[in-house]
Each structure stands twice: as C-alpha cells, then as structure tokens.
Amino acid sequence: MSEKNEEIKKEKYEKLRREYTGNGLLEKDIFADPIKQFEKWFEEALSIEVIDVNAGALCTVREDNSPDTRIVLLKSFDKEGFVFYTNYLSRKAQELKNNNKASYLFYWSPLSRQVRIDGIVKKISKEEAEKYFKTRPEASKIGAWASKQSHEIKDRKFLEDEFAKYKKEFAEKEITMPEYWGGYILIPSVIEFWQGRESRLHDRIEYRSENNIWKTVRLSP
C-alpha cells in the first residue's frame, strides 16, 4: 500500500469518534453498595436489550506479569462477587492458579457505560458448578468434554471428531460435568462506574473496599 493510502487510512481512523450523551452519574444518585449499583445498571442494559449484556473482558496475569485478556460471560453476581465458568485446563485458569488477581470490564455502548471490577478470584464449589452445568444446553455440555480449552489441536476436524465422540458416548445417559470444568468467583476490592458525558467530561465513581466497608471517590476523566 502506498504512503498516501496509509495516510488516508490513518486519518480515517483518527476521525472515528462520537459525542457521549449519558444522563450523568452523581454521588447523590448512587447506592452505597456497589453491587446494588451494578445490578441497577445491569438491569437497565437488559431492559433495552443490549446484545451480550453479560459479556465482559476478563484480564488475568501471565507468568511474565504481562496482561492476558478475553471475553468471558458473567453468569451470576451477588454481595459475595461475580461468577463465571470455564475449563480448569484453560490458559486463564492456569494464570489464575499462579496469580489470583484479575480485572473484569463490562461495556454497554448504547448507554455509554462501563464498569471495571478488580479483585481476587477463587474457585466455587463443585456442587455449585454442577448445579449450573445441569442448566446448560446439551450441545454446550458436550462441548465442555470435547474442548481442552487453550490447548493446541491439529485442525478443526479434530475438534468436530471429539464432539461427535462424546455425543455418541452420552447418547443414552446423563451428560455429567467434566472434572476439569467449573466456576470461579471474582471477589471485588475496587469497582469503578464510568458514564460517558459530553465534551469528554465523563463521570467516574470508584468504590474501594476498606476493612469491608465501601468508600467512594470521584475520578477525573
């Protein structure tokens, strides 16, 4: 590509912007409990049918201390923390085994909102994971058996053959949860709520847990 075309492309990308028109986030309007505030925003995103409202970017830490991020679906949350499920053989699981600090980020574009959750991650009980596993669609259950997540495979056919193998194996019996599959809970220590505003003067309210008491501060955008 010519230097001129590269410059045109660069200018096109640099012009990508929009004006945020959120209603604002003021201290007088927020809950003292960040979990309640998250629930309020989550429900509002659900009410306008935001696509993949429970999809968040989960950032873990590699052995060399570099970040590693991927989209992970949130499956439940309460005062204890935020729960997601995965393969315990996956890259993220190995990273959490070495360093249980993580960050979970949700972005709801139609509302010009994002929430960042920092904390430590622990495995949930096998019983709780099995209870959730039973609610999954049949194909998803079989997929959990067929995929050794993050491990290298020869090609697409290998994955499809593994799926077919386990589909046949469980054709006439209950699809049990693999031993290498389960859930985690992210126990938050910091939760930041970001509301897009005009002129890039965004609202940022951060909750910090101090001796099990949540304190709030406003951050400059």
C-alpha atoms as a PDB file:
ATOM      1  CA  MET A   1       0.000   0.000   0.000  1.00  0.00           C
ATOM      2  CA  SER A   2       1.303   3.440  -0.932  1.00  0.00           C
ATOM      3  CA  GLU A   3       2.342   6.036   1.636  1.00  0.00           C
ATOM      4  CA  LYS A   4      -0.586   8.235   0.531  1.00  0.00           C
ATOM      5  CA  ASN A   5      -3.102   5.435   1.091  1.00  0.00           C
ATOM      6  CA  GLU A   6      -1.609   4.741   4.502  1.00  0.00           C
ATOM      7  CA  GLU A   7      -2.039   8.400   5.439  1.00  0.00           C
ATOM      8  CA  ILE A   8      -5.676   8.378   4.255  1.00  0.00           C
ATOM      9  CA  LYS A   9      -6.348   5.284   6.317  1.00  0.00           C
ATOM     10  CA  LYS A  10      -4.715   6.830   9.372  1.00  0.00           C
ATOM     11  CA  GLU A  11      -6.814   9.990   9.048  1.00  0.00           C
ATOM     12  CA  LYS A  12      -9.978   7.912   8.656  1.00  0.00           C
ATOM     13  CA  TYR A  13      -9.258   6.015  11.874  1.00  0.00           C
ATOM     14  CA  GLU A  14      -8.342   9.193  13.764  1.00  0.00           C
ATOM     15  CA  LYS A  15     -11.729  10.707  12.887  1.00  0.00           C
ATOM     16  CA  LEU A  16     -13.643   7.828  14.450  1.00  0.00           C
ATOM     17  CA  ARG A  17     -15.448   9.439  17.360  1.00  0.00           C
ATOM     18  CA  ARG A  18     -18.873  10.175  18.750  1.00  0.00           C
ATOM     19  CA  GLU A  19     -20.261  12.530  21.342  1.00  0.00           C
ATOM     20  CA  TYR A  20     -21.378  10.794  24.525  1.00  0.00           C
ATOM     21  CA  THR A  21     -24.799  11.859  25.746  1.00  0.00           C
ATOM     22  CA  GLY A  22     -25.278   9.990  29.016  1.00  0.00           C
ATOM     23  CA  ASN A  23     -27.537  11.306  31.768  1.00  0.00           C
ATOM     24  CA  GLY A  24     -24.671  11.568  34.206  1.00  0.00           C
ATOM     25  CA  LEU A  25     -23.644   9.810  37.392  1.00  0.00           C
ATOM     26  CA  LEU A  26     -23.798  11.929  40.532  1.00  0.00           C
ATOM     27  CA  GLU A  27     -22.957  10.946  44.086  1.00  0.00           C
ATOM     28  CA  LYS A  28     -26.473  11.761  45.296  1.00  0.00           C
ATOM     29  CA  ASP A  29     -27.946   9.222  42.869  1.00  0.00           C
ATOM     30  CA  ILE A  30     -25.777   6.161  43.559  1.00  0.00           C
ATOM     31  CA  PHE A  31     -26.214   3.294  46.003  1.00  0.00           C
ATOM     32  CA  ALA A  32     -23.820   2.971  48.931  1.00  0.00           C
ATOM     33  CA  ASP A  33     -23.370  -0.670  47.891  1.00  0.00           C
ATOM     34  CA  PRO A  34     -21.612  -1.077  44.504  1.00  0.00           C
ATOM     35  CA  ILE A  35     -23.267  -4.461  43.923  1.00  0.00           C
ATOM     36  CA  LYS A  36     -26.663  -2.768  44.033  1.00  0.00           C
ATOM     37  CA  GLN A  37     -25.354  -0.094  41.688  1.00  0.00           C
ATOM     38  CA  PHE A  38     -24.069  -2.777  39.301  1.00  0.00           C
ATOM     39  CA  GLU A  39     -27.428  -4.558  39.432  1.00  0.00           C
ATOM     40  CA  LYS A  40     -29.223  -1.301  38.603  1.00  0.00           C
ATOM     41  CA  TRP A  41     -27.041  -0.679  35.564  1.00  0.00           C
ATOM     42  CA  PHE A  42     -27.159  -4.342  34.511  1.00  0.00           C
ATOM     43  CA  GLU A  43     -30.960  -4.350  34.646  1.00  0.00           C
ATOM     44  CA  GLU A  44     -31.125  -1.120  32.676  1.00  0.00           C
ATOM     45  CA  ALA A  45     -28.888  -2.642  29.997  1.00  0.00           C
ATOM     46  CA  LEU A  46     -31.138  -5.719  29.953  1.00  0.00           C
ATOM     47  CA  SER A  47     -34.244  -3.578  29.623  1.00  0.00           C
ATOM     48  CA  ILE A  48     -33.045  -2.066  26.348  1.00  0.00           C
ATOM     49  CA  GLU A  49     -31.803  -5.463  25.129  1.00  0.00           C
ATOM     50  CA  VAL A  50     -28.098  -4.690  24.936  1.00  0.00           C
ATOM     51  CA  ILE A  51     -26.519  -7.553  22.979  1.00  0.00           C
ATOM     52  CA  ASP A  52     -24.408  -9.870  25.155  1.00  0.00           C
ATOM     53  CA  VAL A  53     -25.046  -7.723  28.208  1.00  0.00           C
ATOM     54  CA  ASN A  54     -23.187 -10.247  30.396  1.00  0.00           C
ATOM     55  CA  ALA A  55     -20.076 -10.365  28.205  1.00  0.00           C
ATOM     56  CA  GLY A  56     -17.080  -8.834  29.933  1.00  0.00           C
ATOM     57  CA  ALA A  57     -13.367  -8.622  29.249  1.00  0.00           C
ATOM     58  CA  LEU A  58     -11.551 -10.663  31.895  1.00  0.00           C
ATOM     59  CA  CYS A  59      -7.901  -9.737  32.339  1.00  0.00           C
ATOM     60  CA  THR A  60      -5.515 -12.142  34.071  1.00  0.00           C
ATOM     61  CA  VAL A  61      -1.741 -12.097  34.504  1.00  0.00           C
ATOM     62  CA  ARG A  62       0.783 -14.315  32.720  1.00  0.00           C
ATOM     63  CA  GLU A  63       3.881 -15.733  34.420  1.00  0.00           C
ATOM     64  CA  ASP A  64       5.963 -12.872  32.987  1.00  0.00           C
ATOM     65  CA  ASN A  65       3.494 -10.381  34.562  1.00  0.00           C
ATOM     66  CA  SER A  66       2.081  -9.310  31.185  1.00  0.00           C
ATOM     67  CA  PRO A  67      -1.711  -8.998  30.848  1.00  0.00           C
ATOM     68  CA  ASP A  68      -3.898 -11.553  29.079  1.00  0.00           C
ATOM     69  CA  THR A  69      -7.494 -10.607  28.194  1.00  0.00           C
ATOM     70  CA  ARG A  70     -10.509 -12.359  26.715  1.00  0.00           C
ATOM     71  CA  ILE A  71     -14.308 -12.065  26.745  1.00  0.00           C
ATOM     72  CA  VAL A  72     -15.962 -14.198  29.447  1.00  0.00           C
ATOM     73  CA  LEU A  73     -19.691 -14.432  30.194  1.00  0.00           C
ATOM     74  CA  LEU A  74     -20.846 -13.418  33.654  1.00  0.00           C
ATOM     75  CA  LYS A  75     -23.337 -15.999  34.966  1.00  0.00           C
ATOM     76  CA  SER A  76     -24.324 -14.629  38.357  1.00  0.00           C
ATOM     77  CA  PHE A  77     -23.419 -11.999  40.916  1.00  0.00           C
ATOM     78  CA  ASP A  78     -24.338 -11.096  44.485  1.00  0.00           C
ATOM     79  CA  LYS A  79     -22.756  -9.485  47.545  1.00  0.00           C
ATOM     80  CA  GLU A  80     -20.054 -12.189  47.516  1.00  0.00           C
ATOM     81  CA  GLY A  81     -18.827 -11.458  43.999  1.00  0.00           C
ATOM     82  CA  PHE A  82     -19.075 -12.166  40.276  1.00  0.00           C
ATOM     83  CA  VAL A  83     -19.256 -15.742  38.973  1.00  0.00           C
ATOM     84  CA  PHE A  84     -18.101 -17.147  35.637  1.00  0.00           C
ATOM     85  CA  TYR A  85     -17.397 -20.669  34.370  1.00  0.00           C
ATOM     86  CA  THR A  86     -14.572 -22.144  32.348  1.00  0.00           C
ATOM     87  CA  ASN A  87     -12.310 -25.112  31.693  1.00  0.00           C
ATOM     88  CA  TYR A  88      -9.770 -25.559  34.502  1.00  0.00           C
ATOM     89  CA  LEU A  89      -7.194 -26.604  31.889  1.00  0.00           C
ATOM     90  CA  SER A  90      -7.535 -23.301  30.047  1.00  0.00           C
ATOM     91  CA  ARG A  91      -4.901 -20.603  29.865  1.00  0.00           C
ATOM     92  CA  LYS A  92      -6.907 -18.267  32.082  1.00  0.00           C
ATOM     93  CA  ALA A  93      -7.281 -20.994  34.712  1.00  0.00           C
ATOM     94  CA  GLN A  94      -3.551 -21.663  34.765  1.00  0.00           C
ATOM     95  CA  GLU A  95      -2.856 -17.948  35.074  1.00  0.00           C
ATOM     96  CA  LEU A  96      -5.329 -17.625  37.936  1.00  0.00           C
ATOM     97  CA  LYS A  97      -3.632 -20.562  39.641  1.00  0.00           C
ATOM     98  CA  ASN A  98      -0.344 -18.649  39.581  1.00  0.00           C
ATOM     99  CA  ASN A  99      -1.815 -15.222  40.308  1.00  0.00           C
ATOM    100  CA  ASN A 100      -5.398 -14.922  41.516  1.00  0.00           C
ATOM    101  CA  LYS A 101      -5.674 -11.178  40.870  1.00  0.00           C
ATOM    102  CA  ALA A 102      -7.912 -10.228  37.947  1.00  0.00           C
ATOM    103  CA  SER A 103      -9.928  -7.422  36.405  1.00  0.00           C
ATOM    104  CA  TYR A 104     -13.364  -7.744  34.764  1.00  0.00           C
ATOM    105  CA  LEU A 105     -14.621  -4.990  32.435  1.00  0.00           C
ATOM    106  CA  PHE A 106     -18.141  -4.541  31.060  1.00  0.00           C
ATOM    107  CA  TYR A 107     -19.027  -2.011  28.344  1.00  0.00           C
ATOM    108  CA  TRP A 108     -22.598  -1.197  27.356  1.00  0.00           C
ATOM    109  CA  SER A 109     -22.260   1.042  24.325  1.00  0.00           C
ATOM    110  CA  PRO A 110     -25.932   2.084  23.885  1.00  0.00           C
ATOM    111  CA  LEU A 111     -25.859   3.507  27.430  1.00  0.00           C
ATOM    112  CA  SER A 112     -22.316   4.916  27.183  1.00  0.00           C
ATOM    113  CA  ARG A 113     -21.389   2.992  30.317  1.00  0.00           C
ATOM    114  CA  GLN A 114     -18.625   0.754  31.520  1.00  0.00           C
ATOM    115  CA  VAL A 115     -17.875  -0.975  34.813  1.00  0.00           C
ATOM    116  CA  ARG A 116     -14.431  -2.158  35.904  1.00  0.00           C
ATOM    117  CA  ILE A 117     -14.163  -4.714  38.700  1.00  0.00           C
ATOM    118  CA  ASP A 118     -10.785  -5.518  40.287  1.00  0.00           C
ATOM    119  CA  GLY A 119     -10.231  -8.208  42.883  1.00  0.00           C
ATOM    120  CA  ILE A 120      -9.107 -11.718  43.655  1.00  0.00           C
ATOM    121  CA  VAL A 121     -10.521 -14.891  42.114  1.00  0.00           C
ATOM    122  CA  LYS A 122     -11.338 -18.180  43.831  1.00  0.00           C
ATOM    123  CA  LYS A 123     -12.895 -21.430  42.643  1.00  0.00           C
ATOM    124  CA  ILE A 124     -16.509 -22.002  43.572  1.00  0.00           C
ATOM    125  CA  SER A 125     -17.637 -25.343  44.979  1.00  0.00           C
ATOM    126  CA  LYS A 126     -18.021 -28.373  42.729  1.00  0.00           C
ATOM    127  CA  GLU A 127     -21.645 -28.651  43.863  1.00  0.00           C
ATOM    128  CA  GLU A 128     -22.431 -25.112  42.730  1.00  0.00           C
ATOM    129  CA  ALA A 129     -20.687 -25.686  39.390  1.00  0.00           C
ATOM    130  CA  GLU A 130     -22.595 -28.923  38.817  1.00  0.00           C
ATOM    131  CA  LYS A 131     -25.883 -27.176  39.570  1.00  0.00           C
ATOM    132  CA  TYR A 132     -25.147 -24.632  36.848  1.00  0.00           C
ATOM    133  CA  PHE A 133     -23.754 -27.246  34.436  1.00  0.00           C
ATOM    134  CA  LYS A 134     -27.090 -29.082  34.500  1.00  0.00           C
ATOM    135  CA  THR A 135     -28.832 -25.967  33.158  1.00  0.00           C
ATOM    136  CA  ARG A 136     -26.605 -25.733  30.078  1.00  0.00           C
ATOM    137  CA  PRO A 137     -27.889 -26.812  26.643  1.00  0.00           C
ATOM    138  CA  GLU A 138     -26.915 -30.356  25.659  1.00  0.00           C
ATOM    139  CA  ALA A 139     -24.518 -29.181  22.946  1.00  0.00           C
ATOM    140  CA  SER A 140     -22.717 -26.897  25.397  1.00  0.00           C
ATOM    141  CA  LYS A 141     -22.299 -29.770  27.839  1.00  0.00           C
ATOM    142  CA  ILE A 142     -20.799 -31.970  25.142  1.00  0.00           C
ATOM    143  CA  GLY A 143     -18.616 -29.085  24.022  1.00  0.00           C
ATOM    144  CA  ALA A 144     -17.136 -28.914  27.516  1.00  0.00           C
ATOM    145  CA  TRP A 145     -15.997 -32.523  27.119  1.00  0.00           C
ATOM    146  CA  ALA A 146     -14.765 -32.096  23.551  1.00  0.00           C
ATOM    147  CA  SER A 147     -12.625 -28.994  24.105  1.00  0.00           C
ATOM    148  CA  LYS A 148      -9.410 -28.975  26.108  1.00  0.00           C
ATOM    149  CA  GLN A 149      -9.549 -25.197  26.109  1.00  0.00           C
ATOM    150  CA  SER A 150      -6.449 -23.230  25.034  1.00  0.00           C
ATOM    151  CA  HIS A 151      -4.504 -26.383  24.097  1.00  0.00           C
ATOM    152  CA  GLU A 152      -3.159 -26.718  20.556  1.00  0.00           C
ATOM    153  CA  ILE A 153      -5.049 -29.042  18.220  1.00  0.00           C
ATOM    154  CA  LYS A 154      -4.249 -30.318  14.737  1.00  0.00           C
ATOM    155  CA  ASP A 155      -7.206 -28.813  12.908  1.00  0.00           C
ATOM    156  CA  ARG A 156     -10.948 -28.113  13.012  1.00  0.00           C
ATOM    157  CA  LYS A 157     -11.778 -31.715  12.148  1.00  0.00           C
ATOM    158  CA  PHE A 158     -10.095 -32.928  15.346  1.00  0.00           C
ATOM    159  CA  LEU A 159     -12.446 -30.765  17.427  1.00  0.00           C
ATOM    160  CA  GLU A 160     -15.501 -31.902  15.475  1.00  0.00           C
ATOM    161  CA  ASP A 161     -14.461 -35.546  15.827  1.00  0.00           C
ATOM    162  CA  GLU A 162     -14.097 -35.106  19.593  1.00  0.00           C
ATOM    163  CA  PHE A 163     -17.563 -33.570  19.752  1.00  0.00           C
ATOM    164  CA  ALA A 164     -19.019 -36.467  17.754  1.00  0.00           C
ATOM    165  CA  LYS A 165     -17.257 -38.968  20.001  1.00  0.00           C
ATOM    166  CA  TYR A 166     -18.681 -37.532  23.203  1.00  0.00           C
ATOM    167  CA  LYS A 167     -22.114 -37.016  21.661  1.00  0.00           C
ATOM    168  CA  LYS A 168     -22.193 -40.743  20.925  1.00  0.00           C
ATOM    169  CA  GLU A 169     -20.840 -41.616  24.370  1.00  0.00           C
ATOM    170  CA  PHE A 170     -23.574 -39.641  26.139  1.00  0.00           C
ATOM    171  CA  ALA A 171     -26.342 -40.547  23.697  1.00  0.00           C
ATOM    172  CA  GLU A 172     -28.278 -42.604  26.212  1.00  0.00           C
ATOM    173  CA  LYS A 173     -27.098 -41.293  29.572  1.00  0.00           C
ATOM    174  CA  GLU A 174     -26.792 -38.095  31.535  1.00  0.00           C
ATOM    175  CA  ILE A 175     -24.053 -35.711  30.432  1.00  0.00           C
ATOM    176  CA  THR A 176     -22.016 -35.264  33.583  1.00  0.00           C
ATOM    177  CA  MET A 177     -19.693 -32.353  34.293  1.00  0.00           C
ATOM    178  CA  PRO A 178     -16.027 -32.981  33.416  1.00  0.00           C
ATOM    179  CA  GLU A 179     -13.620 -32.961  36.361  1.00  0.00           C
ATOM    180  CA  TYR A 180     -11.609 -30.257  34.588  1.00  0.00           C
ATOM    181  CA  TRP A 181     -14.556 -27.853  34.303  1.00  0.00           C
ATOM    182  CA  GLY A 182     -16.008 -25.492  36.891  1.00  0.00           C
ATOM    183  CA  GLY A 183     -16.516 -21.970  38.091  1.00  0.00           C
ATOM    184  CA  TYR A 184     -14.774 -19.004  39.668  1.00  0.00           C
ATOM    185  CA  ILE A 185     -15.914 -16.068  41.727  1.00  0.00           C
ATOM    186  CA  LEU A 186     -14.210 -12.684  41.481  1.00  0.00           C
ATOM    187  CA  ILE A 187     -14.315 -11.067  44.923  1.00  0.00           C
ATOM    188  CA  PRO A 188     -14.118  -7.305  44.286  1.00  0.00           C
ATOM    189  CA  SER A 189     -11.911  -4.826  46.091  1.00  0.00           C
ATOM    190  CA  VAL A 190     -12.456  -1.973  43.605  1.00  0.00           C
ATOM    191  CA  ILE A 191     -15.434  -1.280  41.338  1.00  0.00           C
ATOM    192  CA  GLU A 192     -15.466   1.736  39.012  1.00  0.00           C
ATOM    193  CA  PHE A 193     -18.578   3.030  37.248  1.00  0.00           C
ATOM    194  CA  TRP A 194     -17.925   5.131  34.129  1.00  0.00           C
ATOM    195  CA  GLN A 195     -20.654   7.185  32.483  1.00  0.00           C
ATOM    196  CA  GLY A 196     -19.909   8.878  29.174  1.00  0.00           C
ATOM    197  CA  ARG A 197     -20.701  12.611  29.103  1.00  0.00           C
ATOM    198  CA  GLU A 198     -20.479  15.459  26.615  1.00  0.00           C
ATOM    199  CA  SER A 199     -17.119  17.090  25.838  1.00  0.00           C
ATOM    200  CA  ARG A 200     -15.339  14.041  27.242  1.00  0.00           C
ATOM    201  CA  LEU A 201     -16.144  15.239  30.769  1.00  0.00           C
ATOM    202  CA  HIS A 202     -17.142  11.732  31.785  1.00  0.00           C
ATOM    203  CA  ASP A 203     -18.341  10.734  35.241  1.00  0.00           C
ATOM    204  CA  ARG A 204     -16.148   8.212  37.066  1.00  0.00           C
ATOM    205  CA  ILE A 205     -17.170   6.979  40.503  1.00  0.00           C
ATOM    206  CA  GLU A 206     -14.896   4.405  42.129  1.00  0.00           C
ATOM    207  CA  TYR A 207     -15.869   2.233  45.087  1.00  0.00           C
ATOM    208  CA  ARG A 208     -12.985   0.973  47.232  1.00  0.00           C
ATOM    209  CA  SER A 209     -13.296  -1.689  49.897  1.00  0.00           C
ATOM    210  CA  GLU A 210     -11.561  -0.618  53.123  1.00  0.00           C
ATOM    211  CA  ASN A 211     -11.924  -3.015  56.068  1.00  0.00           C
ATOM    212  CA  ASN A 212     -15.041  -4.460  54.417  1.00  0.00           C
ATOM    213  CA  ILE A 213     -16.602  -1.007  54.117  1.00  0.00           C
ATOM    214  CA  TRP A 214     -17.153   0.559  50.699  1.00  0.00           C
ATOM    215  CA  LYS A 215     -15.850   4.081  50.207  1.00  0.00           C
ATOM    216  CA  THR A 216     -16.478   6.152  47.083  1.00  0.00           C
ATOM    217  CA  VAL A 217     -14.285   8.674  45.303  1.00  0.00           C
ATOM    218  CA  ARG A 218     -14.746  10.646  42.107  1.00  0.00           C
ATOM    219  CA  LEU A 219     -12.019  10.321  39.486  1.00  0.00           C
ATOM    220  CA  SER A 220     -11.149  12.861  36.830  1.00  0.00           C
ATOM    221  CA  PRO A 221     -11.925  11.638  33.321  1.00  0.00           C
END
